[in-house]
């Protein structure tokens, strides 16, 4: 993480720059998938 200079419409700005942390996007998708499957399982047994 650091400060990077970026030009926008002829003006120069200082913006915070960071590198993506690998693995977070994959972990997020896995957790959401497991949660959706769990809710489908739970709510499919409510009607019986």
N, C-alpha and C. Protein backbone atom coordinates (compact mmCIF):
# COMPACT_ATOMS: atom_id res chain seq x y z
N UNK A 1 0.85 -1.17 0.00
CA UNK A 1 0.00 0.00 0.00
C UNK A 1 0.89 1.23 0.00
N UNK A 2 0.47 2.22 -0.72
CA UNK A 2 1.25 3.44 -0.80
C UNK A 2 0.46 4.53 -1.49
N UNK A 3 1.12 5.62 -1.73
CA UNK A 3 0.48 6.74 -2.40
C UNK A 3 1.03 6.81 -3.82
N UNK A 4 0.13 6.95 -4.77
CA UNK A 4 0.50 7.00 -6.18
C UNK A 4 -0.10 8.28 -6.77
N UNK A 5 0.62 8.89 -7.69
CA UNK A 5 0.11 10.08 -8.35
C UNK A 5 -0.63 9.68 -9.61
N UNK A 6 -1.82 10.26 -9.79
CA UNK A 6 -2.67 9.92 -10.93
C UNK A 6 -3.16 11.21 -11.58
N UNK A 7 -3.11 11.26 -12.91
CA UNK A 7 -3.60 12.43 -13.63
C UNK A 7 -5.03 12.20 -14.08
N UNK A 8 -5.88 13.19 -13.87
CA UNK A 8 -7.28 13.12 -14.26
C UNK A 8 -7.71 14.48 -14.76
N UNK A 9 -8.08 14.56 -16.03
CA UNK A 9 -8.50 15.81 -16.68
C UNK A 9 -7.44 16.90 -16.52
N UNK A 10 -6.20 16.53 -16.71
CA UNK A 10 -5.12 17.51 -16.67
C UNK A 10 -4.64 17.88 -15.29
N UNK A 11 -5.29 17.41 -14.24
CA UNK A 11 -4.85 17.70 -12.88
C UNK A 11 -4.23 16.46 -12.27
N UNK A 12 -3.28 16.67 -11.38
CA UNK A 12 -2.59 15.55 -10.74
C UNK A 12 -3.10 15.36 -9.32
N UNK A 13 -3.44 14.13 -8.99
CA UNK A 13 -3.97 13.82 -7.66
C UNK A 13 -3.12 12.74 -7.02
N UNK A 14 -3.09 12.73 -5.69
CA UNK A 14 -2.46 11.63 -4.96
C UNK A 14 -3.56 10.68 -4.51
N UNK A 15 -3.42 9.41 -4.87
CA UNK A 15 -4.43 8.42 -4.50
C UNK A 15 -3.75 7.28 -3.76
N UNK A 16 -4.52 6.64 -2.89
CA UNK A 16 -4.00 5.48 -2.19
C UNK A 16 -3.98 4.30 -3.15
N UNK A 17 -2.89 3.58 -3.16
CA UNK A 17 -2.73 2.45 -4.05
C UNK A 17 -2.52 1.20 -3.21
N UNK A 18 -3.18 0.11 -3.58
CA UNK A 18 -2.99 -1.14 -2.86
C UNK A 18 -3.02 -2.31 -3.83
N UNK A 19 -2.33 -3.35 -3.48
CA UNK A 19 -2.33 -4.57 -4.29
C UNK A 19 -3.43 -5.49 -3.78
N UNK A 20 -4.07 -6.20 -4.70
CA UNK A 20 -5.11 -7.14 -4.28
C UNK A 20 -4.49 -8.29 -3.50
N UNK A 21 -5.18 -8.73 -2.46
CA UNK A 21 -4.72 -9.86 -1.69
C UNK A 21 -5.29 -11.11 -2.32
N UNK A 22 -4.45 -12.02 -2.78
CA UNK A 22 -4.97 -13.21 -3.46
C UNK A 22 -5.73 -14.11 -2.49
N UNK A 23 -6.78 -14.73 -2.99
CA UNK A 23 -7.52 -15.69 -2.19
C UNK A 23 -8.80 -15.18 -1.59
N UNK A 24 -8.92 -13.88 -1.35
CA UNK A 24 -10.12 -13.36 -0.71
C UNK A 24 -11.35 -13.51 -1.60
N UNK A 25 -11.20 -13.26 -2.89
CA UNK A 25 -12.35 -13.36 -3.80
C UNK A 25 -12.82 -14.81 -3.88
N UNK A 26 -11.89 -15.75 -3.97
CA UNK A 26 -12.25 -17.17 -4.02
C UNK A 26 -12.91 -17.61 -2.72
N UNK A 27 -12.36 -17.20 -1.59
CA UNK A 27 -12.94 -17.56 -0.30
C UNK A 27 -14.34 -16.98 -0.15
N UNK A 28 -14.55 -15.77 -0.61
CA UNK A 28 -15.87 -15.14 -0.56
C UNK A 28 -16.88 -15.94 -1.37
N UNK A 29 -16.50 -16.36 -2.58
CA UNK A 29 -17.41 -17.13 -3.41
C UNK A 29 -17.73 -18.49 -2.79
N UNK A 30 -16.75 -19.12 -2.18
CA UNK A 30 -16.98 -20.42 -1.54
C UNK A 30 -17.94 -20.26 -0.36
N UNK A 31 -17.73 -19.25 0.46
CA UNK A 31 -18.59 -19.04 1.64
C UNK A 31 -20.02 -18.71 1.21
N UNK A 32 -20.20 -17.86 0.21
CA UNK A 32 -21.54 -17.53 -0.27
C UNK A 32 -22.22 -18.77 -0.85
N UNK A 33 -21.48 -19.59 -1.59
CA UNK A 33 -22.05 -20.81 -2.17
C UNK A 33 -22.51 -21.78 -1.09
N UNK A 34 -21.69 -21.96 -0.07
CA UNK A 34 -22.05 -22.86 1.03
C UNK A 34 -23.29 -22.32 1.76
N UNK A 35 -23.35 -21.01 1.96
CA UNK A 35 -24.50 -20.41 2.65
C UNK A 35 -25.78 -20.60 1.84
N UNK A 36 -25.71 -20.39 0.53
CA UNK A 36 -26.89 -20.57 -0.32
C UNK A 36 -27.36 -22.01 -0.30
N UNK A 37 -26.44 -22.95 -0.41
CA UNK A 37 -26.80 -24.38 -0.36
C UNK A 37 -27.41 -24.73 0.99
N UNK A 38 -26.86 -24.20 2.07
CA UNK A 38 -27.38 -24.45 3.41
C UNK A 38 -28.81 -23.92 3.55
N UNK A 39 -29.05 -22.69 3.07
CA UNK A 39 -30.40 -22.12 3.17
C UNK A 39 -31.40 -22.90 2.33
N UNK A 40 -30.99 -23.34 1.15
CA UNK A 40 -31.88 -24.16 0.33
C UNK A 40 -32.23 -25.45 1.07
N UNK A 41 -31.25 -26.07 1.70
CA UNK A 41 -31.48 -27.29 2.45
C UNK A 41 -32.43 -27.04 3.62
N UNK A 42 -32.19 -25.99 4.38
CA UNK A 42 -33.02 -25.68 5.56
C UNK A 42 -34.45 -25.38 5.14
N UNK A 43 -34.64 -24.50 4.15
CA UNK A 43 -35.98 -24.09 3.76
C UNK A 43 -36.72 -25.15 2.97
N UNK A 44 -36.03 -26.12 2.40
CA UNK A 44 -36.73 -27.19 1.70
C UNK A 44 -37.35 -28.18 2.70
N UNK A 45 -36.86 -28.19 3.94
CA UNK A 45 -37.41 -29.08 4.95
C UNK A 45 -38.49 -28.41 5.79
N UNK A 46 -38.70 -27.11 5.64
CA UNK A 46 -39.71 -26.41 6.41
C UNK A 46 -41.11 -26.80 5.95
N UNK A 47 -41.30 -27.02 4.66
CA UNK A 47 -42.62 -27.29 4.11
C UNK A 47 -43.12 -28.68 4.49
N UNK A 48 -42.27 -29.58 4.88
CA UNK A 48 -42.71 -30.97 5.14
C UNK A 48 -43.22 -31.10 6.53
